Amino acid sequence: MSQIVWIARHANRLDFVYPDWFLTAERRYDPPLSDDGMIQAQQLAQRLKGERITHIFASPFLRTIQTANAIAEVLDLQIKLEVGLSEWLNPEWMTEEPEKLSTSALVKLFPRIDTSYTSRIAAKYPETHAQVRERSAQTARCLSTEFFPHDILLVAHGASVLGAAMGFVGDIAKSEVKASLCSLVKVVRQDSEWLLALKGDTSHLTKIEELVRFV
């Protein structure tokens, strides 16, 4: 039997466009998508429209949920919040554990969140690069096994996208996977072997300078 696991990185984030946002933000390590990021998320949703995805899992950060929600709207699916897909909790980037919106607050904003789902893997601040890779690899393997043989989508961050891919194809992902913003990785299970079919595709995205015209 075969199975496809799609792994997407969130779209462009507000603090990448307006760095000063960080200085006054209430939750400075949990930025939302930028305006062009919202458009990118919608384009990613259209790219995945014809795929047979049955479950969507997202990191509990706002930018990943917004990206997943755009896809969930198009595919008419729920969103399962999975802590194991979280951002790299790097103490060099974050002076404390990042504050995020509560699940109840998120559900009010995003009714497609599946409140019956319980996250499978924990993420603990602080963590090393090796730890985030192992954590996200473990998460990806756990979810693919639990929901086998269904096709699933994981919406994560740069480090956790790479780690998730490594969970299937090992160290080859370090040199092959390009986890740029709103990129798409595809791994395919053929019997017991996993193959890397897409390494970080962004062909579904309009160029940023063209996106700006619509913002």
N, C-alpha and C. Protein backbone atom coordinates (compact mmCIF):
# COMPACT_ATOMS: atom_id res chain seq x y z
N MET A 1 0.84 -1.20 0.00
CA MET A 1 0.00 0.00 0.00
C MET A 1 0.88 1.25 0.00
N SER A 2 0.33 2.36 -0.46
CA SER A 2 1.09 3.60 -0.51
C SER A 2 0.42 4.65 0.37
N GLN A 3 1.21 5.63 0.76
CA GLN A 3 0.74 6.74 1.57
C GLN A 3 1.57 7.96 1.21
N ILE A 4 0.94 9.13 1.20
CA ILE A 4 1.65 10.38 0.96
C ILE A 4 1.58 11.24 2.22
N VAL A 5 2.73 11.75 2.64
CA VAL A 5 2.78 12.74 3.70
C VAL A 5 3.29 14.04 3.07
N TRP A 6 2.44 15.06 3.13
CA TRP A 6 2.81 16.40 2.67
C TRP A 6 3.31 17.18 3.88
N ILE A 7 4.39 17.94 3.70
CA ILE A 7 4.93 18.76 4.78
C ILE A 7 5.11 20.17 4.24
N ALA A 8 4.39 21.13 4.83
CA ALA A 8 4.44 22.51 4.36
C ALA A 8 4.99 23.43 5.44
N ARG A 9 5.76 24.41 5.02
CA ARG A 9 6.15 25.47 5.94
C ARG A 9 5.11 26.59 5.85
N HIS A 10 4.89 27.28 6.95
CA HIS A 10 3.95 28.40 6.96
C HIS A 10 4.35 29.47 5.94
N ALA A 11 3.41 30.31 5.58
CA ALA A 11 3.65 31.40 4.63
C ALA A 11 4.37 32.56 5.32
N ASN A 12 4.59 33.64 4.60
CA ASN A 12 5.36 34.78 5.12
C ASN A 12 4.73 35.36 6.38
N ARG A 13 5.56 35.75 7.33
CA ARG A 13 5.10 36.23 8.63
C ARG A 13 5.26 37.74 8.76
N LEU A 14 4.41 38.33 9.57
CA LEU A 14 4.33 39.79 9.67
C LEU A 14 5.64 40.43 10.09
N ASP A 15 6.36 39.82 11.03
CA ASP A 15 7.60 40.44 11.50
C ASP A 15 8.73 40.34 10.50
N PHE A 16 8.59 39.50 9.47
CA PHE A 16 9.57 39.49 8.39
C PHE A 16 9.36 40.71 7.49
N VAL A 17 8.11 41.18 7.40
CA VAL A 17 7.79 42.34 6.58
C VAL A 17 7.99 43.64 7.37
N TYR A 18 7.56 43.62 8.65
CA TYR A 18 7.67 44.79 9.53
C TYR A 18 8.42 44.37 10.79
N PRO A 19 9.75 44.40 10.77
CA PRO A 19 10.54 43.94 11.93
C PRO A 19 10.21 44.67 13.23
N ASP A 20 9.77 45.92 13.15
CA ASP A 20 9.45 46.67 14.37
C ASP A 20 8.22 46.12 15.09
N TRP A 21 7.44 45.29 14.42
CA TRP A 21 6.27 44.68 15.06
C TRP A 21 6.68 43.97 16.34
N PHE A 22 7.84 43.36 16.32
CA PHE A 22 8.33 42.59 17.45
C PHE A 22 8.47 43.44 18.72
N LEU A 23 8.78 44.72 18.56
CA LEU A 23 9.09 45.58 19.70
C LEU A 23 7.88 45.85 20.60
N THR A 24 6.69 45.84 20.04
CA THR A 24 5.49 46.17 20.82
C THR A 24 4.46 45.05 20.85
N ALA A 25 4.79 43.90 20.28
CA ALA A 25 3.83 42.80 20.18
C ALA A 25 3.52 42.20 21.55
N GLU A 26 2.26 41.84 21.75
CA GLU A 26 1.84 41.19 22.99
C GLU A 26 2.44 39.79 23.10
N ARG A 27 2.48 39.07 22.00
CA ARG A 27 3.09 37.74 21.94
C ARG A 27 4.15 37.79 20.84
N ARG A 28 5.33 38.29 21.22
CA ARG A 28 6.33 38.65 20.20
C ARG A 28 6.93 37.46 19.46
N TYR A 29 6.80 36.24 20.01
CA TYR A 29 7.33 35.07 19.31
C TYR A 29 6.24 34.30 18.58
N ASP A 30 5.08 34.91 18.46
CA ASP A 30 3.96 34.25 17.78
C ASP A 30 3.32 35.20 16.77
N PRO A 31 4.08 35.65 15.77
CA PRO A 31 3.53 36.60 14.80
C PRO A 31 2.50 35.95 13.88
N PRO A 32 1.55 36.75 13.39
CA PRO A 32 0.62 36.24 12.38
C PRO A 32 1.26 36.29 11.00
N LEU A 33 0.52 35.83 10.01
CA LEU A 33 0.96 35.97 8.63
C LEU A 33 0.87 37.44 8.22
N SER A 34 1.72 37.82 7.29
CA SER A 34 1.62 39.13 6.66
C SER A 34 0.50 39.08 5.61
N ASP A 35 0.19 40.23 5.03
CA ASP A 35 -0.85 40.26 3.99
C ASP A 35 -0.47 39.38 2.81
N ASP A 36 0.79 39.48 2.37
CA ASP A 36 1.20 38.63 1.25
C ASP A 36 1.28 37.16 1.68
N GLY A 37 1.55 36.93 2.97
CA GLY A 37 1.55 35.56 3.48
C GLY A 37 0.17 34.92 3.40
N MET A 38 -0.88 35.72 3.66
CA MET A 38 -2.24 35.20 3.54
C MET A 38 -2.52 34.78 2.10
N ILE A 39 -2.04 35.57 1.15
CA ILE A 39 -2.22 35.22 -0.27
C ILE A 39 -1.43 33.95 -0.60
N GLN A 40 -0.21 33.85 -0.08
CA GLN A 40 0.59 32.65 -0.30
C GLN A 40 -0.13 31.40 0.24
N ALA A 41 -0.72 31.53 1.42
CA ALA A 41 -1.43 30.39 2.02
C ALA A 41 -2.60 29.96 1.14
N GLN A 42 -3.30 30.92 0.57
CA GLN A 42 -4.41 30.61 -0.32
C GLN A 42 -3.92 29.93 -1.59
N GLN A 43 -2.76 30.33 -2.07
CA GLN A 43 -2.19 29.69 -3.26
C GLN A 43 -1.76 28.26 -2.95
N LEU A 44 -1.19 28.06 -1.78
CA LEU A 44 -0.84 26.71 -1.36
C LEU A 44 -2.08 25.83 -1.27
N ALA A 45 -3.16 26.40 -0.76
CA ALA A 45 -4.42 25.66 -0.66
C ALA A 45 -4.90 25.21 -2.04
N GLN A 46 -4.80 26.09 -3.01
CA GLN A 46 -5.21 25.73 -4.37
C GLN A 46 -4.30 24.65 -4.95
N ARG A 47 -3.01 24.70 -4.60
CA ARG A 47 -2.08 23.67 -5.07
C ARG A 47 -2.48 22.29 -4.55
N LEU A 48 -3.01 22.24 -3.34
CA LEU A 48 -3.34 20.96 -2.71
C LEU A 48 -4.79 20.54 -2.92
N LYS A 49 -5.55 21.34 -3.64
CA LYS A 49 -6.99 21.12 -3.78
C LYS A 49 -7.34 19.74 -4.33
N GLY A 50 -6.57 19.25 -5.28
CA GLY A 50 -6.90 17.97 -5.90
C GLY A 50 -6.29 16.76 -5.22
N GLU A 51 -5.56 16.97 -4.12
CA GLU A 51 -4.90 15.86 -3.45
C GLU A 51 -5.87 15.15 -2.48
N ARG A 52 -5.54 13.92 -2.15
CA ARG A 52 -6.43 13.10 -1.31
C ARG A 52 -6.04 13.18 0.17
N ILE A 53 -5.83 14.39 0.64
CA ILE A 53 -5.47 14.59 2.04
C ILE A 53 -6.70 14.38 2.92
N THR A 54 -6.55 13.62 3.98
CA THR A 54 -7.69 13.34 4.86
C THR A 54 -7.52 13.94 6.26
N HIS A 55 -6.30 14.32 6.63
CA HIS A 55 -6.05 14.90 7.94
C HIS A 55 -5.03 16.03 7.81
N ILE A 56 -5.26 17.14 8.49
CA ILE A 56 -4.32 18.26 8.53
C ILE A 56 -3.86 18.46 9.96
N PHE A 57 -2.55 18.48 10.16
CA PHE A 57 -1.94 18.72 11.46
C PHE A 57 -1.14 20.01 11.37
N ALA A 58 -1.23 20.85 12.40
CA ALA A 58 -0.51 22.12 12.38
C ALA A 58 0.15 22.39 13.72
N SER A 59 1.30 23.00 13.67
CA SER A 59 1.94 23.54 14.86
C SER A 59 0.97 24.54 15.50
N PRO A 60 0.98 24.69 16.83
CA PRO A 60 0.03 25.58 17.50
C PRO A 60 0.37 27.06 17.46
N PHE A 61 1.35 27.45 16.65
CA PHE A 61 1.66 28.87 16.48
C PHE A 61 0.68 29.49 15.48
N LEU A 62 0.42 30.79 15.65
CA LEU A 62 -0.61 31.45 14.86
C LEU A 62 -0.35 31.36 13.36
N ARG A 63 0.88 31.56 12.94
CA ARG A 63 1.19 31.58 11.50
C ARG A 63 0.97 30.22 10.84
N THR A 64 1.24 29.15 11.57
CA THR A 64 1.01 27.82 10.98
C THR A 64 -0.49 27.50 10.95
N ILE A 65 -1.21 27.93 11.98
CA ILE A 65 -2.65 27.70 11.99
C ILE A 65 -3.33 28.48 10.87
N GLN A 66 -2.91 29.72 10.66
CA GLN A 66 -3.49 30.51 9.57
C GLN A 66 -3.23 29.85 8.22
N THR A 67 -2.02 29.34 8.04
CA THR A 67 -1.69 28.65 6.79
C THR A 67 -2.54 27.39 6.63
N ALA A 68 -2.62 26.61 7.71
CA ALA A 68 -3.42 25.37 7.67
C ALA A 68 -4.90 25.67 7.46
N ASN A 69 -5.38 26.77 8.03
CA ASN A 69 -6.80 27.10 7.91
C ASN A 69 -7.18 27.40 6.47
N ALA A 70 -6.31 28.08 5.75
CA ALA A 70 -6.58 28.37 4.33
C ALA A 70 -6.75 27.07 3.55
N ILE A 71 -5.92 26.09 3.88
CA ILE A 71 -6.00 24.79 3.21
C ILE A 71 -7.23 24.02 3.66
N ALA A 72 -7.51 24.06 4.96
CA ALA A 72 -8.68 23.35 5.51
C ALA A 72 -9.98 23.86 4.91
N GLU A 73 -10.05 25.16 4.65
CA GLU A 73 -11.25 25.73 4.04
C GLU A 73 -11.48 25.16 2.65
N VAL A 74 -10.42 25.02 1.89
CA VAL A 74 -10.53 24.51 0.52
C VAL A 74 -10.82 23.01 0.51
N LEU A 75 -10.18 22.27 1.42
CA LEU A 75 -10.35 20.81 1.45
C LEU A 75 -11.51 20.36 2.34
N ASP A 76 -12.13 21.32 3.04
CA ASP A 76 -13.24 21.04 3.97
C ASP A 76 -12.82 20.00 5.00
N LEU A 77 -11.72 20.31 5.71
CA LEU A 77 -11.19 19.42 6.73
C LEU A 77 -11.01 20.18 8.04
N GLN A 78 -10.85 19.43 9.13
CA GLN A 78 -10.52 20.02 10.41
C GLN A 78 -9.00 20.17 10.54
N ILE A 79 -8.59 20.93 11.56
CA ILE A 79 -7.17 21.13 11.84
C ILE A 79 -6.86 20.53 13.20
N LYS A 80 -5.89 19.64 13.23
CA LYS A 80 -5.45 19.04 14.49
C LYS A 80 -4.17 19.75 14.94
N LEU A 81 -4.21 20.35 16.13
CA LEU A 81 -3.03 21.07 16.65
C LEU A 81 -2.06 20.08 17.25
N GLU A 82 -0.84 20.05 16.71
CA GLU A 82 0.17 19.10 17.14
C GLU A 82 1.42 19.85 17.61
N VAL A 83 1.66 19.82 18.93
CA VAL A 83 2.79 20.53 19.53
C VAL A 83 4.12 20.03 18.98
N GLY A 84 4.18 18.77 18.62
CA GLY A 84 5.42 18.20 18.09
C GLY A 84 5.91 18.85 16.81
N LEU A 85 5.06 19.61 16.14
CA LEU A 85 5.45 20.30 14.91
C LEU A 85 5.88 21.75 15.17
N SER A 86 5.98 22.13 16.44
CA SER A 86 6.25 23.52 16.81
C SER A 86 7.56 24.07 16.26
N GLU A 87 7.65 25.39 16.32
CA GLU A 87 8.88 26.11 16.00
C GLU A 87 10.03 25.59 16.85
N TRP A 88 11.26 25.73 16.35
CA TRP A 88 12.45 25.42 17.13
C TRP A 88 12.49 26.37 18.32
N LEU A 89 12.43 25.85 19.51
CA LEU A 89 12.42 26.66 20.73
C LEU A 89 13.86 26.98 21.12
N ASN A 90 14.44 27.83 20.33
CA ASN A 90 15.86 28.16 20.37
C ASN A 90 16.10 29.32 21.34
N PRO A 91 16.86 29.13 22.41
CA PRO A 91 17.08 30.21 23.37
C PRO A 91 17.87 31.38 22.79
N GLU A 92 18.54 31.19 21.66
CA GLU A 92 19.25 32.29 21.02
C GLU A 92 18.27 33.21 20.27
N TRP A 93 17.09 32.68 19.94
CA TRP A 93 16.06 33.48 19.29
C TRP A 93 15.03 34.00 20.29
N MET A 94 14.79 33.21 21.33
CA MET A 94 13.71 33.50 22.27
C MET A 94 14.26 33.60 23.68
N THR A 95 14.00 34.68 24.36
CA THR A 95 14.52 34.85 25.72
C THR A 95 13.70 34.09 26.75
N GLU A 96 12.53 33.63 26.36
CA GLU A 96 11.70 32.81 27.24
C GLU A 96 10.81 31.91 26.39
N GLU A 97 10.13 30.98 27.02
CA GLU A 97 9.21 30.12 26.28
C GLU A 97 8.17 30.98 25.59
N PRO A 98 7.95 30.78 24.29
CA PRO A 98 7.03 31.66 23.56
C PRO A 98 5.58 31.55 24.04
N GLU A 99 4.97 32.69 24.25
CA GLU A 99 3.56 32.72 24.63
C GLU A 99 2.70 32.63 23.38
N LYS A 100 1.70 31.76 23.42
CA LYS A 100 0.79 31.58 22.29
C LYS A 100 -0.65 31.75 22.77
N LEU A 101 -1.55 31.91 21.84
CA LEU A 101 -2.96 31.97 22.19
C LEU A 101 -3.42 30.62 22.76
N SER A 102 -4.35 30.66 23.70
CA SER A 102 -4.90 29.43 24.25
C SER A 102 -5.72 28.70 23.19
N THR A 103 -5.91 27.42 23.40
CA THR A 103 -6.71 26.64 22.46
C THR A 103 -8.12 27.20 22.35
N SER A 104 -8.70 27.59 23.46
CA SER A 104 -10.07 28.13 23.43
C SER A 104 -10.13 29.42 22.61
N ALA A 105 -9.11 30.27 22.74
CA ALA A 105 -9.07 31.51 21.94
C ALA A 105 -8.87 31.19 20.47
N LEU A 106 -8.06 30.19 20.18
CA LEU A 106 -7.81 29.82 18.79
C LEU A 106 -9.06 29.24 18.14
N VAL A 107 -9.80 28.44 18.90
CA VAL A 107 -11.02 27.84 18.36
C VAL A 107 -12.04 28.92 17.98
N LYS A 108 -12.10 29.99 18.74
CA LYS A 108 -13.01 31.09 18.41
C LYS A 108 -12.61 31.74 17.09
N LEU A 109 -11.31 31.81 16.85
CA LEU A 109 -10.82 32.41 15.60
C LEU A 109 -10.88 31.42 14.44
N PHE A 110 -10.66 30.15 14.74
CA PHE A 110 -10.57 29.12 13.71
C PHE A 110 -11.46 27.93 14.11
N PRO A 111 -12.74 27.98 13.78
CA PRO A 111 -13.67 26.92 14.19
C PRO A 111 -13.34 25.54 13.63
N ARG A 112 -12.45 25.48 12.63
CA ARG A 112 -12.09 24.17 12.07
C ARG A 112 -11.10 23.41 12.95
N ILE A 113 -10.63 24.01 14.02
CA ILE A 113 -9.73 23.28 14.93
C ILE A 113 -10.50 22.13 15.58
N ASP A 114 -9.90 20.97 15.55
CA ASP A 114 -10.51 19.75 16.11
C ASP A 114 -10.20 19.68 17.61
N THR A 115 -11.17 20.02 18.44
CA THR A 115 -10.95 20.05 19.88
C THR A 115 -10.88 18.65 20.49
N SER A 116 -11.22 17.62 19.73
CA SER A 116 -11.17 16.26 20.25
C SER A 116 -9.77 15.65 20.11
N TYR A 117 -8.92 16.31 19.36
CA TYR A 117 -7.57 15.77 19.11
C TYR A 117 -6.63 16.14 20.26
N THR A 118 -5.82 15.20 20.68
CA THR A 118 -4.80 15.42 21.70
C THR A 118 -3.42 15.29 21.08
N SER A 119 -2.60 16.32 21.26
CA SER A 119 -1.25 16.31 20.70
C SER A 119 -0.48 15.09 21.16
N ARG A 120 0.30 14.51 20.23
CA ARG A 120 1.01 13.26 20.52
C ARG A 120 2.40 13.49 21.11
N ILE A 121 3.08 14.56 20.72
CA ILE A 121 4.49 14.77 21.09
C ILE A 121 4.64 16.15 21.73
N ALA A 122 5.45 16.23 22.77
CA ALA A 122 5.68 17.50 23.46
C ALA A 122 6.88 18.23 22.87
N ALA A 123 6.93 19.54 23.12
CA ALA A 123 8.09 20.37 22.75
C ALA A 123 8.44 21.20 23.97
N LYS A 124 9.71 21.13 24.41
CA LYS A 124 10.10 21.78 25.65
C LYS A 124 11.18 22.83 25.41
N TYR A 125 10.95 24.02 25.95
CA TYR A 125 11.92 25.11 25.88
C TYR A 125 12.91 24.98 27.03
N PRO A 126 14.21 25.21 26.77
CA PRO A 126 14.85 25.43 25.48
C PRO A 126 15.23 24.09 24.85
N GLU A 127 15.55 24.12 23.55
CA GLU A 127 15.98 22.90 22.90
C GLU A 127 17.08 23.20 21.89
N THR A 128 17.91 22.21 21.64
CA THR A 128 19.01 22.33 20.69
C THR A 128 18.51 22.03 19.27
N HIS A 129 19.38 22.27 18.30
CA HIS A 129 19.04 21.96 16.90
C HIS A 129 18.78 20.46 16.75
N ALA A 130 19.62 19.66 17.38
CA ALA A 130 19.43 18.20 17.31
C ALA A 130 18.11 17.79 17.93
N GLN A 131 17.73 18.44 19.02
CA GLN A 131 16.48 18.09 19.70
C GLN A 131 15.25 18.43 18.88
N VAL A 132 15.24 19.58 18.20
CA VAL A 132 14.06 19.93 17.39
C VAL A 132 13.95 18.98 16.21
N ARG A 133 15.07 18.58 15.64
CA ARG A 133 15.02 17.64 14.52
C ARG A 133 14.48 16.28 14.97
N GLU A 134 14.94 15.80 16.11
CA GLU A 134 14.47 14.51 16.60
C GLU A 134 13.00 14.58 17.00
N ARG A 135 12.62 15.68 17.65
CA ARG A 135 11.22 15.85 18.07
C ARG A 135 10.27 15.87 16.88
N SER A 136 10.61 16.64 15.85
CA SER A 136 9.72 16.71 14.69
C SER A 136 9.78 15.44 13.85
N ALA A 137 10.93 14.77 13.83
CA ALA A 137 11.02 13.48 13.13
C ALA A 137 10.13 12.45 13.81
N GLN A 138 10.20 12.41 15.15
CA GLN A 138 9.36 11.49 15.91
C GLN A 138 7.88 11.78 15.68
N THR A 139 7.53 13.07 15.64
CA THR A 139 6.13 13.46 15.41
C THR A 139 5.64 12.97 14.06
N ALA A 140 6.43 13.22 13.02
CA ALA A 140 6.03 12.82 11.67
C ALA A 140 5.86 11.31 11.57
N ARG A 141 6.79 10.57 12.15
CA ARG A 141 6.69 9.11 12.10
C ARG A 141 5.46 8.62 12.88
N CYS A 142 5.22 9.22 14.02
CA CYS A 142 4.07 8.83 14.84
C CYS A 142 2.76 9.06 14.09
N LEU A 143 2.61 10.24 13.50
CA LEU A 143 1.36 10.57 12.83
C LEU A 143 1.15 9.72 11.57
N SER A 144 2.22 9.49 10.82
CA SER A 144 2.07 8.69 9.60
C SER A 144 1.70 7.26 9.92
N THR A 145 2.21 6.75 11.04
CA THR A 145 1.89 5.37 11.44
C THR A 145 0.46 5.28 11.98
N GLU A 146 0.09 6.27 12.80
CA GLU A 146 -1.24 6.25 13.43
C GLU A 146 -2.35 6.40 12.39
N PHE A 147 -2.08 7.21 11.35
CA PHE A 147 -3.13 7.48 10.36
C PHE A 147 -2.89 6.74 9.04
N PHE A 148 -1.96 5.80 9.04
CA PHE A 148 -1.75 4.96 7.87
C PHE A 148 -3.03 4.18 7.57
N PRO A 149 -3.47 4.03 6.30
CA PRO A 149 -2.78 4.42 5.08
C PRO A 149 -3.28 5.75 4.50
N HIS A 150 -3.79 6.64 5.31
CA HIS A 150 -4.34 7.89 4.80
C HIS A 150 -3.25 8.91 4.48
N ASP A 151 -3.52 9.74 3.48
CA ASP A 151 -2.62 10.84 3.14
C ASP A 151 -2.85 11.98 4.13
N ILE A 152 -1.76 12.55 4.65
CA ILE A 152 -1.88 13.60 5.66
C ILE A 152 -1.02 14.80 5.28
N LEU A 153 -1.33 15.94 5.89
CA LEU A 153 -0.57 17.18 5.70
C LEU A 153 -0.08 17.67 7.05
N LEU A 154 1.20 18.01 7.13
CA LEU A 154 1.80 18.59 8.32
C LEU A 154 2.18 20.03 7.99
N VAL A 155 1.73 20.99 8.79
CA VAL A 155 2.08 22.40 8.56
C VAL A 155 2.96 22.84 9.71
N ALA A 156 4.20 23.19 9.39
CA ALA A 156 5.20 23.40 10.43
C ALA A 156 6.07 24.61 10.11
N HIS A 157 7.30 24.60 10.64
CA HIS A 157 8.25 25.71 10.53
C HIS A 157 9.51 25.21 9.83
N GLY A 158 10.44 26.11 9.56
CA GLY A 158 11.63 25.71 8.82
C GLY A 158 12.34 24.51 9.43
N ALA A 159 12.69 24.59 10.72
CA ALA A 159 13.43 23.50 11.37
C ALA A 159 12.58 22.24 11.51
N SER A 160 11.30 22.40 11.79
CA SER A 160 10.46 21.21 11.99
C SER A 160 10.04 20.58 10.66
N VAL A 161 10.00 21.36 9.58
CA VAL A 161 9.79 20.77 8.25
C VAL A 161 10.96 19.86 7.91
N LEU A 162 12.17 20.39 8.11
CA LEU A 162 13.36 19.59 7.81
C LEU A 162 13.42 18.35 8.70
N GLY A 163 13.15 18.53 10.00
CA GLY A 163 13.17 17.39 10.91
C GLY A 163 12.14 16.34 10.55
N ALA A 164 10.94 16.78 10.17
CA ALA A 164 9.89 15.83 9.77
C ALA A 164 10.33 15.03 8.56
N ALA A 165 10.93 15.71 7.58
CA ALA A 165 11.41 15.01 6.38
C ALA A 165 12.51 14.01 6.75
N MET A 166 13.38 14.40 7.68
CA MET A 166 14.44 13.49 8.12
C MET A 166 13.85 12.26 8.80
N GLY A 167 12.69 12.41 9.41
CA GLY A 167 12.04 11.27 10.05
C GLY A 167 11.70 10.17 9.06
N PHE A 168 11.58 10.52 7.79
CA PHE A 168 11.23 9.53 6.77
C PHE A 168 12.43 9.09 5.93
N VAL A 169 13.25 10.06 5.52
CA VAL A 169 14.33 9.72 4.57
C VAL A 169 15.72 9.90 5.16
N GLY A 170 15.81 10.24 6.43
CA GLY A 170 17.11 10.33 7.09
C GLY A 170 17.91 11.56 6.70
N ASP A 171 19.23 11.44 6.79
CA ASP A 171 20.12 12.59 6.60
C ASP A 171 20.12 13.15 5.19
N ILE A 172 19.60 12.40 4.22
CA ILE A 172 19.53 12.92 2.86
C ILE A 172 18.71 14.20 2.80
N ALA A 173 17.77 14.34 3.74
CA ALA A 173 16.93 15.54 3.77
C ALA A 173 17.75 16.80 4.05
N LYS A 174 18.86 16.67 4.78
CA LYS A 174 19.68 17.84 5.12
C LYS A 174 20.17 18.57 3.88
N SER A 175 20.52 17.84 2.85
CA SER A 175 21.04 18.45 1.63
C SER A 175 19.99 18.62 0.54
N GLU A 176 18.90 17.85 0.64
CA GLU A 176 17.91 17.86 -0.44
C GLU A 176 16.71 18.76 -0.17
N VAL A 177 16.27 18.87 1.07
CA VAL A 177 15.04 19.60 1.38
C VAL A 177 15.31 21.09 1.54
N LYS A 178 14.54 21.91 0.87
CA LYS A 178 14.62 23.37 0.96
C LYS A 178 13.34 23.88 1.62
N ALA A 179 13.42 24.17 2.91
CA ALA A 179 12.22 24.54 3.67
C ALA A 179 12.03 26.05 3.66
N SER A 180 11.84 26.63 2.48
CA SER A 180 11.58 28.06 2.37
C SER A 180 10.12 28.35 2.72
N LEU A 181 9.78 29.63 2.85
CA LEU A 181 8.43 30.01 3.23
C LEU A 181 7.39 29.44 2.27
N CYS A 182 6.38 28.83 2.82
CA CYS A 182 5.24 28.27 2.07
C CYS A 182 5.66 27.19 1.07
N SER A 183 6.79 26.57 1.33
CA SER A 183 7.25 25.48 0.46
C SER A 183 6.52 24.19 0.80
N LEU A 184 6.62 23.25 -0.10
CA LEU A 184 5.89 21.99 0.03
C LEU A 184 6.83 20.82 -0.21
N VAL A 185 6.90 19.95 0.78
CA VAL A 185 7.68 18.72 0.68
C VAL A 185 6.70 17.56 0.59
N LYS A 186 7.07 16.56 -0.21
CA LYS A 186 6.21 15.39 -0.39
C LYS A 186 7.04 14.14 -0.21
N VAL A 187 6.62 13.29 0.72
CA VAL A 187 7.26 11.98 0.86
C VAL A 187 6.22 10.91 0.64
N VAL A 188 6.63 9.85 -0.02
CA VAL A 188 5.70 8.80 -0.44
C VAL A 188 6.17 7.46 0.11
N ARG A 189 5.25 6.75 0.73
CA ARG A 189 5.55 5.40 1.22
C ARG A 189 5.13 4.38 0.17
N GLN A 190 6.08 3.59 -0.23
CA GLN A 190 5.81 2.45 -1.11
C GLN A 190 6.17 1.20 -0.32
N ASP A 191 5.14 0.48 0.15
CA ASP A 191 5.34 -0.65 1.06
C ASP A 191 6.03 -0.13 2.32
N SER A 192 7.26 -0.51 2.58
CA SER A 192 7.93 -0.08 3.81
C SER A 192 8.99 1.00 3.55
N GLU A 193 9.12 1.46 2.31
CA GLU A 193 10.16 2.43 1.96
C GLU A 193 9.56 3.80 1.72
N TRP A 194 10.25 4.83 2.23
CA TRP A 194 9.82 6.21 2.01
C TRP A 194 10.72 6.86 0.96
N LEU A 195 10.07 7.57 0.02
CA LEU A 195 10.79 8.25 -1.06
C LEU A 195 10.49 9.74 -1.02
N LEU A 196 11.50 10.55 -1.30
CA LEU A 196 11.34 12.00 -1.33
C LEU A 196 10.91 12.41 -2.73
N ALA A 197 9.65 12.84 -2.89
CA ALA A 197 9.10 13.16 -4.21
C ALA A 197 9.15 14.65 -4.52
N LEU A 198 8.96 15.51 -3.52
CA LEU A 198 9.11 16.96 -3.67
C LEU A 198 10.02 17.44 -2.55
N LYS A 199 10.97 18.32 -2.88
CA LYS A 199 12.02 18.68 -1.93
C LYS A 199 11.86 20.08 -1.34
N GLY A 200 10.73 20.72 -1.60
CA GLY A 200 10.53 22.09 -1.12
C GLY A 200 9.99 22.95 -2.24
N ASP A 201 8.97 22.45 -2.90
CA ASP A 201 8.40 23.10 -4.08
C ASP A 201 7.70 24.41 -3.73
N THR A 202 7.96 25.46 -4.49
CA THR A 202 7.27 26.74 -4.32
C THR A 202 6.68 27.22 -5.65
N SER A 203 6.52 26.31 -6.61
CA SER A 203 6.02 26.70 -7.93
C SER A 203 4.59 27.19 -7.89
N HIS A 204 3.87 26.90 -6.80
CA HIS A 204 2.48 27.35 -6.66
C HIS A 204 2.40 28.83 -6.27
N LEU A 205 3.52 29.43 -5.91
CA LEU A 205 3.52 30.80 -5.42
C LEU A 205 3.77 31.80 -6.53
N THR A 206 3.01 32.90 -6.51
CA THR A 206 3.30 34.05 -7.35
C THR A 206 4.50 34.76 -6.75
N LYS A 207 5.33 35.36 -7.59
CA LYS A 207 6.49 36.07 -7.08
C LYS A 207 6.05 37.17 -6.12
N ILE A 208 6.87 37.41 -5.10
CA ILE A 208 6.53 38.38 -4.07
C ILE A 208 6.23 39.75 -4.65
N GLU A 209 7.01 40.19 -5.64
CA GLU A 209 6.76 41.52 -6.20
C GLU A 209 5.40 41.60 -6.89
N GLU A 210 4.92 40.47 -7.39
CA GLU A 210 3.59 40.45 -7.99
C GLU A 210 2.51 40.42 -6.91
N LEU A 211 2.81 39.73 -5.79
CA LEU A 211 1.86 39.68 -4.68
C LEU A 211 1.60 41.06 -4.12
N VAL A 212 2.65 41.88 -4.06
CA VAL A 212 2.52 43.21 -3.45
C VAL A 212 1.44 44.05 -4.13
N ARG A 213 1.22 43.82 -5.40
CA ARG A 213 0.20 44.58 -6.13
C ARG A 213 -1.19 44.37 -5.54
N PHE A 214 -1.38 43.21 -4.91
CA PHE A 214 -2.70 42.86 -4.40
C PHE A 214 -2.85 43.17 -2.92
N VAL A 215 -1.78 43.56 -2.24
CA VAL A 215 -1.79 43.78 -0.80
C VAL A 215 -2.26 45.22 -0.48
